[in-house]
Amino acid sequence: MDKGERTRGDALVASNRKARHDYTIVDVVEAGIVLLGSEVKSARAGQVQLADAYAHVIRGEMFLEGMHIAPYQFAVGVGSHEPVRRRKLLLHADQIRRLGERMARERLTLVPLEVRFKKGRIKVDLGLAKGRQKADRREAIAKKESELEMRRAQGRARKQAL
């Protein structure tokens, strides 16, 4: 499914715009995530932040660190959750092994790009990313601006032709 093709049951919860700015995304992987009930309710309310989150492998399992899910306002005491905690990601064992090897070999980072509901389940899009230097960021911004200007010029040319 492309980014633009979302079905009725799908809803974007949070996206990590900073990741696309700070990293060059090499590959994207979709993973499930293990959450508590109060975390799901907070996610449905859109109270998720991915700014400083990252994923890594621990003893053959993939975990997401640094994702902030605000406490659910109606959950108190036992039903509440810790806002920033280690959350387990659901991937096949061979996917975890391949991602771990690739991260070590190519010195890549696994960052969450977006959290969304898909058929009633919460999914995380993880981007296998390579860090950008300041010059690379400037170059990427300049490239984006030049492409935008070209599209605008083409639009103006089309309007003048009519």
N, C-alpha and C. Protein backbone atom coordinates (compact mmCIF):
# COMPACT_ATOMS: atom_id res chain seq x y z
N MET A 1 0.85 -1.17 0.00
CA MET A 1 0.00 0.00 0.00
C MET A 1 0.89 1.24 0.00
N ASP A 2 0.64 2.15 -0.90
CA ASP A 2 1.41 3.39 -0.97
C ASP A 2 0.97 4.34 0.12
N LYS A 3 1.80 5.35 0.35
CA LYS A 3 1.52 6.33 1.40
C LYS A 3 0.18 7.03 1.16
N GLY A 4 -0.15 7.29 -0.10
CA GLY A 4 -1.39 8.00 -0.44
C GLY A 4 -2.62 7.12 -0.39
N GLU A 5 -2.46 5.80 -0.43
CA GLU A 5 -3.59 4.88 -0.46
C GLU A 5 -3.89 4.35 0.92
N ARG A 6 -4.73 5.00 1.66
CA ARG A 6 -5.11 4.51 2.98
C ARG A 6 -6.56 4.09 2.92
N THR A 7 -6.85 2.93 3.49
CA THR A 7 -8.22 2.47 3.52
C THR A 7 -8.96 3.12 4.67
N ARG A 8 -10.26 2.84 4.77
CA ARG A 8 -11.07 3.50 5.79
C ARG A 8 -10.62 3.20 7.21
N GLY A 9 -10.13 1.98 7.47
CA GLY A 9 -9.70 1.60 8.81
C GLY A 9 -8.33 2.12 9.19
N ASP A 10 -7.62 2.72 8.24
CA ASP A 10 -6.27 3.19 8.51
C ASP A 10 -6.29 4.66 8.93
N ALA A 11 -5.46 4.98 9.92
CA ALA A 11 -5.36 6.36 10.38
C ALA A 11 -3.93 6.62 10.86
N LEU A 12 -3.36 7.72 10.42
CA LEU A 12 -2.03 8.11 10.85
C LEU A 12 -2.12 8.65 12.28
N VAL A 13 -1.27 8.12 13.16
CA VAL A 13 -1.25 8.55 14.56
C VAL A 13 -0.17 9.61 14.77
N ALA A 14 1.05 9.31 14.29
CA ALA A 14 2.16 10.25 14.46
C ALA A 14 3.18 10.00 13.36
N SER A 15 3.89 11.05 12.98
CA SER A 15 4.97 10.89 12.01
C SER A 15 6.22 11.60 12.52
N ASN A 16 7.36 11.12 12.09
CA ASN A 16 8.63 11.63 12.55
C ASN A 16 9.27 12.43 11.41
N ARG A 17 8.90 13.69 11.28
CA ARG A 17 9.42 14.53 10.20
C ARG A 17 10.91 14.81 10.39
N LYS A 18 11.34 14.84 11.64
CA LYS A 18 12.75 15.11 11.95
C LYS A 18 13.64 14.01 11.38
N ALA A 19 13.15 12.77 11.38
CA ALA A 19 13.94 11.65 10.87
C ALA A 19 14.25 11.82 9.39
N ARG A 20 13.27 12.25 8.62
CA ARG A 20 13.50 12.43 7.17
C ARG A 20 14.45 13.60 6.91
N HIS A 21 14.54 14.53 7.86
CA HIS A 21 15.46 15.66 7.72
C HIS A 21 16.88 15.27 8.14
N ASP A 22 17.01 14.53 9.23
CA ASP A 22 18.33 14.20 9.78
C ASP A 22 18.98 12.98 9.14
N TYR A 23 18.19 12.14 8.47
CA TYR A 23 18.72 10.89 7.93
C TYR A 23 18.33 10.73 6.46
N THR A 24 19.14 9.95 5.76
CA THR A 24 18.78 9.49 4.43
C THR A 24 18.18 8.10 4.61
N ILE A 25 16.93 7.93 4.24
CA ILE A 25 16.22 6.67 4.44
C ILE A 25 16.59 5.70 3.32
N VAL A 26 17.18 4.56 3.69
CA VAL A 26 17.64 3.56 2.73
C VAL A 26 16.54 2.55 2.43
N ASP A 27 15.82 2.11 3.47
CA ASP A 27 14.79 1.08 3.32
C ASP A 27 13.74 1.28 4.41
N VAL A 28 12.50 0.83 4.15
CA VAL A 28 11.43 0.96 5.12
C VAL A 28 10.84 -0.42 5.42
N VAL A 29 10.61 -0.70 6.71
CA VAL A 29 10.05 -1.97 7.16
C VAL A 29 8.86 -1.67 8.06
N GLU A 30 7.78 -2.44 7.89
CA GLU A 30 6.61 -2.28 8.75
C GLU A 30 6.67 -3.32 9.86
N ALA A 31 6.38 -2.88 11.09
CA ALA A 31 6.42 -3.79 12.24
C ALA A 31 5.21 -3.54 13.13
N GLY A 32 4.77 -4.58 13.82
CA GLY A 32 3.76 -4.43 14.84
C GLY A 32 4.44 -4.00 16.12
N ILE A 33 3.66 -3.60 17.11
CA ILE A 33 4.23 -3.14 18.36
C ILE A 33 3.37 -3.65 19.52
N VAL A 34 4.02 -4.06 20.60
CA VAL A 34 3.31 -4.54 21.78
C VAL A 34 3.03 -3.36 22.69
N LEU A 35 1.74 -3.09 22.93
CA LEU A 35 1.34 -1.96 23.77
C LEU A 35 0.36 -2.41 24.85
N LEU A 36 0.26 -1.62 25.91
CA LEU A 36 -0.74 -1.84 26.94
C LEU A 36 -2.04 -1.17 26.50
N GLY A 37 -3.14 -1.52 27.15
CA GLY A 37 -4.43 -0.95 26.78
C GLY A 37 -4.49 0.55 26.88
N SER A 38 -3.93 1.12 27.94
CA SER A 38 -3.97 2.58 28.10
C SER A 38 -3.11 3.26 27.04
N GLU A 39 -2.06 2.58 26.56
CA GLU A 39 -1.22 3.15 25.49
C GLU A 39 -1.99 3.19 24.18
N VAL A 40 -2.78 2.16 23.92
CA VAL A 40 -3.58 2.13 22.69
C VAL A 40 -4.60 3.26 22.72
N LYS A 41 -5.23 3.47 23.86
CA LYS A 41 -6.23 4.55 23.97
C LYS A 41 -5.58 5.92 23.78
N SER A 42 -4.39 6.11 24.32
CA SER A 42 -3.67 7.37 24.11
C SER A 42 -3.28 7.53 22.65
N ALA A 43 -2.88 6.43 22.01
CA ALA A 43 -2.51 6.48 20.59
C ALA A 43 -3.71 6.85 19.74
N ARG A 44 -4.87 6.30 20.08
CA ARG A 44 -6.09 6.65 19.33
C ARG A 44 -6.40 8.15 19.47
N ALA A 45 -6.02 8.72 20.60
CA ALA A 45 -6.22 10.16 20.83
C ALA A 45 -5.10 10.98 20.18
N GLY A 46 -4.12 10.31 19.56
CA GLY A 46 -3.04 11.01 18.86
C GLY A 46 -1.96 11.56 19.76
N GLN A 47 -1.78 10.98 20.94
CA GLN A 47 -0.80 11.49 21.89
C GLN A 47 0.49 10.68 21.86
N VAL A 48 1.10 10.63 20.67
CA VAL A 48 2.34 9.87 20.46
C VAL A 48 3.39 10.80 19.88
N GLN A 49 4.63 10.71 20.39
CA GLN A 49 5.74 11.51 19.86
C GLN A 49 6.90 10.58 19.53
N LEU A 50 7.48 10.76 18.34
CA LEU A 50 8.55 9.90 17.87
C LEU A 50 9.88 10.61 17.74
N ALA A 51 9.98 11.84 18.20
CA ALA A 51 11.14 12.70 17.91
C ALA A 51 12.50 12.04 18.16
N ASP A 52 12.73 11.46 19.30
CA ASP A 52 14.06 10.93 19.62
C ASP A 52 14.07 9.40 19.70
N ALA A 53 13.11 8.77 19.06
CA ALA A 53 12.99 7.31 19.16
C ALA A 53 13.92 6.60 18.18
N TYR A 54 14.30 5.38 18.55
CA TYR A 54 15.12 4.52 17.69
C TYR A 54 14.85 3.07 18.06
N ALA A 55 15.19 2.16 17.17
CA ALA A 55 15.00 0.73 17.42
C ALA A 55 16.35 0.03 17.40
N HIS A 56 16.47 -1.06 18.18
CA HIS A 56 17.69 -1.84 18.19
C HIS A 56 17.37 -3.28 18.59
N VAL A 57 18.33 -4.16 18.38
CA VAL A 57 18.16 -5.59 18.65
C VAL A 57 18.81 -5.92 19.99
N ILE A 58 18.05 -6.65 20.83
CA ILE A 58 18.57 -7.14 22.11
C ILE A 58 18.23 -8.63 22.17
N ARG A 59 19.26 -9.47 22.21
CA ARG A 59 19.10 -10.92 22.31
C ARG A 59 18.09 -11.49 21.32
N GLY A 60 18.20 -11.09 20.07
CA GLY A 60 17.35 -11.64 19.02
C GLY A 60 15.95 -11.05 18.96
N GLU A 61 15.67 -10.01 19.74
CA GLU A 61 14.37 -9.35 19.69
C GLU A 61 14.58 -7.87 19.40
N MET A 62 13.62 -7.28 18.70
CA MET A 62 13.70 -5.87 18.32
C MET A 62 12.88 -5.04 19.30
N PHE A 63 13.48 -3.94 19.79
CA PHE A 63 12.81 -3.05 20.73
C PHE A 63 12.87 -1.62 20.23
N LEU A 64 11.84 -0.85 20.57
CA LEU A 64 11.76 0.56 20.24
C LEU A 64 11.98 1.36 21.52
N GLU A 65 12.96 2.25 21.51
CA GLU A 65 13.30 3.07 22.69
C GLU A 65 12.97 4.53 22.38
N GLY A 66 12.55 5.25 23.40
CA GLY A 66 12.40 6.70 23.28
C GLY A 66 11.09 7.19 22.72
N MET A 67 10.16 6.31 22.37
CA MET A 67 8.85 6.76 21.90
C MET A 67 8.02 7.18 23.10
N HIS A 68 7.43 8.37 23.03
CA HIS A 68 6.65 8.90 24.14
C HIS A 68 5.16 8.74 23.82
N ILE A 69 4.45 8.00 24.68
CA ILE A 69 3.00 7.90 24.59
C ILE A 69 2.46 8.49 25.89
N ALA A 70 1.73 9.58 25.78
CA ALA A 70 1.22 10.28 26.96
C ALA A 70 0.31 9.37 27.77
N PRO A 71 0.32 9.49 29.09
CA PRO A 71 -0.58 8.68 29.92
C PRO A 71 -2.04 8.96 29.57
N TYR A 72 -2.84 7.92 29.55
CA TYR A 72 -4.26 8.05 29.27
C TYR A 72 -4.92 8.74 30.46
N GLN A 73 -5.71 9.77 30.21
CA GLN A 73 -6.24 10.60 31.30
C GLN A 73 -7.18 9.85 32.23
N PHE A 74 -7.84 8.79 31.76
CA PHE A 74 -8.80 8.07 32.60
C PHE A 74 -8.19 6.83 33.25
N ALA A 75 -6.93 6.52 32.94
CA ALA A 75 -6.27 5.36 33.56
C ALA A 75 -5.46 5.86 34.75
N VAL A 76 -5.76 5.32 35.91
CA VAL A 76 -5.03 5.71 37.12
C VAL A 76 -4.54 4.46 37.84
N GLY A 77 -3.46 4.59 38.55
CA GLY A 77 -2.95 3.48 39.35
C GLY A 77 -2.46 2.33 38.50
N VAL A 78 -3.05 1.15 38.69
CA VAL A 78 -2.61 -0.07 38.03
C VAL A 78 -2.81 0.00 36.52
N GLY A 79 -3.86 0.66 36.05
CA GLY A 79 -4.17 0.70 34.62
C GLY A 79 -3.33 1.68 33.83
N SER A 80 -2.51 2.46 34.48
CA SER A 80 -1.71 3.48 33.81
C SER A 80 -0.41 2.88 33.27
N HIS A 81 0.29 3.64 32.45
CA HIS A 81 1.56 3.17 31.90
C HIS A 81 2.63 4.25 32.01
N GLU A 82 3.86 3.83 31.88
CA GLU A 82 5.00 4.75 31.88
C GLU A 82 5.11 5.37 30.48
N PRO A 83 5.18 6.70 30.36
CA PRO A 83 5.17 7.34 29.03
C PRO A 83 6.32 6.93 28.11
N VAL A 84 7.54 6.88 28.64
CA VAL A 84 8.69 6.49 27.81
C VAL A 84 9.24 5.19 28.38
N ARG A 85 9.06 4.13 27.65
CA ARG A 85 9.57 2.83 28.08
C ARG A 85 9.98 2.04 26.85
N ARG A 86 10.70 0.96 27.07
CA ARG A 86 11.11 0.08 25.98
C ARG A 86 9.88 -0.71 25.53
N ARG A 87 9.60 -0.68 24.21
CA ARG A 87 8.45 -1.40 23.67
C ARG A 87 8.91 -2.42 22.64
N LYS A 88 8.39 -3.62 22.74
CA LYS A 88 8.80 -4.70 21.85
C LYS A 88 8.14 -4.55 20.49
N LEU A 89 8.93 -4.76 19.43
CA LEU A 89 8.42 -4.72 18.07
C LEU A 89 8.21 -6.14 17.57
N LEU A 90 7.18 -6.32 16.77
CA LEU A 90 6.83 -7.64 16.27
C LEU A 90 7.29 -7.81 14.83
N LEU A 91 8.33 -8.58 14.65
CA LEU A 91 8.89 -8.90 13.33
C LEU A 91 9.23 -10.38 13.32
N HIS A 92 9.37 -10.95 12.12
CA HIS A 92 9.82 -12.33 12.01
C HIS A 92 11.29 -12.41 12.43
N ALA A 93 11.69 -13.55 12.96
CA ALA A 93 13.06 -13.73 13.46
C ALA A 93 14.10 -13.49 12.37
N ASP A 94 13.82 -13.94 11.14
CA ASP A 94 14.80 -13.74 10.05
C ASP A 94 14.87 -12.26 9.66
N GLN A 95 13.76 -11.52 9.76
CA GLN A 95 13.79 -10.08 9.50
C GLN A 95 14.66 -9.37 10.53
N ILE A 96 14.51 -9.74 11.79
CA ILE A 96 15.30 -9.13 12.87
C ILE A 96 16.78 -9.42 12.65
N ARG A 97 17.09 -10.66 12.32
CA ARG A 97 18.48 -11.06 12.10
C ARG A 97 19.09 -10.26 10.92
N ARG A 98 18.35 -10.20 9.80
CA ARG A 98 18.86 -9.47 8.62
C ARG A 98 19.03 -7.99 8.91
N LEU A 99 18.05 -7.38 9.59
CA LEU A 99 18.16 -5.96 9.92
C LEU A 99 19.33 -5.70 10.86
N GLY A 100 19.50 -6.55 11.86
CA GLY A 100 20.62 -6.40 12.80
C GLY A 100 21.96 -6.50 12.11
N GLU A 101 22.10 -7.49 11.20
CA GLU A 101 23.35 -7.65 10.45
C GLU A 101 23.61 -6.45 9.56
N ARG A 102 22.56 -5.98 8.89
CA ARG A 102 22.73 -4.84 7.98
C ARG A 102 23.07 -3.56 8.75
N MET A 103 22.45 -3.39 9.92
CA MET A 103 22.75 -2.21 10.74
C MET A 103 24.22 -2.23 11.18
N ALA A 104 24.72 -3.40 11.56
CA ALA A 104 26.11 -3.51 12.00
C ALA A 104 27.08 -3.35 10.83
N ARG A 105 26.77 -3.98 9.70
CA ARG A 105 27.68 -3.98 8.56
C ARG A 105 27.78 -2.60 7.90
N GLU A 106 26.62 -1.95 7.68
CA GLU A 106 26.61 -0.68 6.95
C GLU A 106 26.54 0.54 7.86
N ARG A 107 26.62 0.31 9.19
CA ARG A 107 26.54 1.40 10.17
C ARG A 107 25.28 2.25 9.97
N LEU A 108 24.14 1.58 9.98
CA LEU A 108 22.85 2.25 9.80
C LEU A 108 22.10 2.30 11.13
N THR A 109 21.10 3.16 11.19
CA THR A 109 20.25 3.31 12.36
C THR A 109 18.83 2.95 11.96
N LEU A 110 18.07 2.41 12.88
CA LEU A 110 16.67 2.08 12.62
C LEU A 110 15.80 3.09 13.38
N VAL A 111 15.14 3.98 12.64
CA VAL A 111 14.33 5.03 13.25
C VAL A 111 12.86 4.87 12.84
N PRO A 112 11.93 5.14 13.76
CA PRO A 112 10.52 5.07 13.39
C PRO A 112 10.14 6.29 12.55
N LEU A 113 9.46 6.05 11.44
CA LEU A 113 9.04 7.14 10.56
C LEU A 113 7.60 7.57 10.85
N GLU A 114 6.72 6.59 11.07
CA GLU A 114 5.35 6.92 11.41
C GLU A 114 4.69 5.77 12.17
N VAL A 115 3.69 6.13 12.96
CA VAL A 115 2.86 5.16 13.68
C VAL A 115 1.46 5.34 13.15
N ARG A 116 0.80 4.21 12.82
CA ARG A 116 -0.55 4.30 12.26
C ARG A 116 -1.35 3.06 12.63
N PHE A 117 -2.65 3.20 12.49
CA PHE A 117 -3.55 2.06 12.66
C PHE A 117 -3.76 1.43 11.30
N LYS A 118 -3.67 0.10 11.24
CA LYS A 118 -3.92 -0.63 10.01
C LYS A 118 -4.80 -1.81 10.37
N LYS A 119 -6.03 -1.79 9.90
CA LYS A 119 -7.01 -2.83 10.21
C LYS A 119 -7.16 -3.02 11.72
N GLY A 120 -7.18 -1.93 12.47
CA GLY A 120 -7.39 -1.97 13.90
C GLY A 120 -6.15 -2.26 14.73
N ARG A 121 -5.02 -2.50 14.10
CA ARG A 121 -3.79 -2.79 14.83
C ARG A 121 -2.80 -1.64 14.62
N ILE A 122 -1.98 -1.39 15.63
CA ILE A 122 -1.00 -0.32 15.52
C ILE A 122 0.26 -0.85 14.83
N LYS A 123 0.69 -0.15 13.80
CA LYS A 123 1.89 -0.51 13.05
C LYS A 123 2.88 0.65 13.09
N VAL A 124 4.15 0.30 13.05
CA VAL A 124 5.22 1.30 13.03
C VAL A 124 6.02 1.09 11.75
N ASP A 125 6.21 2.15 10.98
CA ASP A 125 7.09 2.10 9.82
C ASP A 125 8.48 2.48 10.29
N LEU A 126 9.42 1.54 10.18
CA LEU A 126 10.80 1.77 10.60
C LEU A 126 11.65 2.04 9.37
N GLY A 127 12.45 3.07 9.44
CA GLY A 127 13.33 3.40 8.33
C GLY A 127 14.77 3.03 8.66
N LEU A 128 15.37 2.24 7.79
CA LEU A 128 16.79 1.94 7.91
C LEU A 128 17.50 3.16 7.36
N ALA A 129 18.21 3.89 8.21
CA ALA A 129 18.66 5.22 7.86
C ALA A 129 20.15 5.42 8.06
N LYS A 130 20.70 6.29 7.22
CA LYS A 130 22.10 6.69 7.32
C LYS A 130 22.11 8.16 7.71
N GLY A 131 22.87 8.50 8.75
CA GLY A 131 22.92 9.88 9.24
C GLY A 131 23.46 10.85 8.20
N ARG A 132 22.89 12.04 8.18
CA ARG A 132 23.34 13.08 7.26
C ARG A 132 24.21 14.08 8.00
N GLN A 133 25.23 14.56 7.32
CA GLN A 133 26.03 15.64 7.84
C GLN A 133 25.32 16.96 7.53
N LYS A 134 25.76 18.04 8.12
CA LYS A 134 25.10 19.33 7.92
C LYS A 134 25.10 19.73 6.44
N ALA A 135 26.21 19.49 5.76
CA ALA A 135 26.30 19.83 4.33
C ALA A 135 25.31 19.01 3.52
N ASP A 136 25.16 17.73 3.87
CA ASP A 136 24.22 16.86 3.17
C ASP A 136 22.79 17.37 3.33
N ARG A 137 22.46 17.83 4.53
CA ARG A 137 21.12 18.37 4.78
C ARG A 137 20.86 19.59 3.92
N ARG A 138 21.85 20.47 3.88
CA ARG A 138 21.71 21.68 3.05
C ARG A 138 21.53 21.31 1.59
N GLU A 139 22.29 20.33 1.14
CA GLU A 139 22.19 19.87 -0.25
C GLU A 139 20.81 19.31 -0.53
N ALA A 140 20.27 18.52 0.39
CA ALA A 140 18.94 17.93 0.22
C ALA A 140 17.87 19.02 0.17
N ILE A 141 17.99 20.03 1.01
CA ILE A 141 17.03 21.13 1.02
C ILE A 141 17.11 21.90 -0.29
N ALA A 142 18.32 22.17 -0.77
CA ALA A 142 18.50 22.89 -2.03
C ALA A 142 17.90 22.09 -3.19
N LYS A 143 18.10 20.79 -3.19
CA LYS A 143 17.55 19.93 -4.25
C LYS A 143 16.02 19.98 -4.23
N LYS A 144 15.42 19.90 -3.03
CA LYS A 144 13.97 19.95 -2.89
C LYS A 144 13.42 21.27 -3.41
N GLU A 145 14.09 22.37 -3.03
CA GLU A 145 13.64 23.69 -3.46
C GLU A 145 13.74 23.86 -4.97
N SER A 146 14.82 23.34 -5.58
CA SER A 146 14.96 23.45 -7.04
C SER A 146 13.89 22.63 -7.77
N GLU A 147 13.57 21.43 -7.24
CA GLU A 147 12.50 20.62 -7.85
C GLU A 147 11.16 21.33 -7.74
N LEU A 148 10.89 21.95 -6.59
CA LEU A 148 9.65 22.68 -6.39
C LEU A 148 9.56 23.85 -7.36
N GLU A 149 10.66 24.58 -7.52
CA GLU A 149 10.67 25.72 -8.44
C GLU A 149 10.45 25.26 -9.88
N MET A 150 11.03 24.11 -10.26
CA MET A 150 10.81 23.58 -11.61
C MET A 150 9.34 23.24 -11.84
N ARG A 151 8.71 22.60 -10.85
CA ARG A 151 7.27 22.27 -10.97
C ARG A 151 6.43 23.53 -11.09
N ARG A 152 6.77 24.55 -10.32
CA ARG A 152 6.04 25.82 -10.39
C ARG A 152 6.19 26.46 -11.76
N ALA A 153 7.42 26.43 -12.29
CA ALA A 153 7.67 27.01 -13.61
C ALA A 153 6.89 26.26 -14.69
N GLN A 154 6.84 24.94 -14.59
CA GLN A 154 6.08 24.15 -15.55
C GLN A 154 4.59 24.48 -15.47
N GLY A 155 4.09 24.68 -14.26
CA GLY A 155 2.67 25.05 -14.07
C GLY A 155 2.37 26.40 -14.67
N ARG A 156 3.30 27.36 -14.46
CA ARG A 156 3.10 28.70 -15.05
C ARG A 156 3.13 28.63 -16.57
N ALA A 157 4.03 27.82 -17.13
CA ALA A 157 4.13 27.67 -18.58
C ALA A 157 2.85 27.07 -19.14
N ARG A 158 2.30 26.07 -18.46
CA ARG A 158 1.04 25.45 -18.91
C ARG A 158 -0.10 26.46 -18.89
N LYS A 159 -0.17 27.29 -17.83
CA LYS A 159 -1.24 28.27 -17.74
C LYS A 159 -1.14 29.30 -18.85
N GLN A 160 0.09 29.72 -19.19
CA GLN A 160 0.29 30.71 -20.26
C GLN A 160 -0.05 30.12 -21.63
N ALA A 161 0.13 28.81 -21.80
CA ALA A 161 -0.16 28.18 -23.08
C ALA A 161 -1.65 28.12 -23.35
N LEU A 162 -2.47 28.15 -22.32
CA LEU A 162 -3.95 28.08 -22.50
C LEU A 162 -4.52 29.34 -22.95
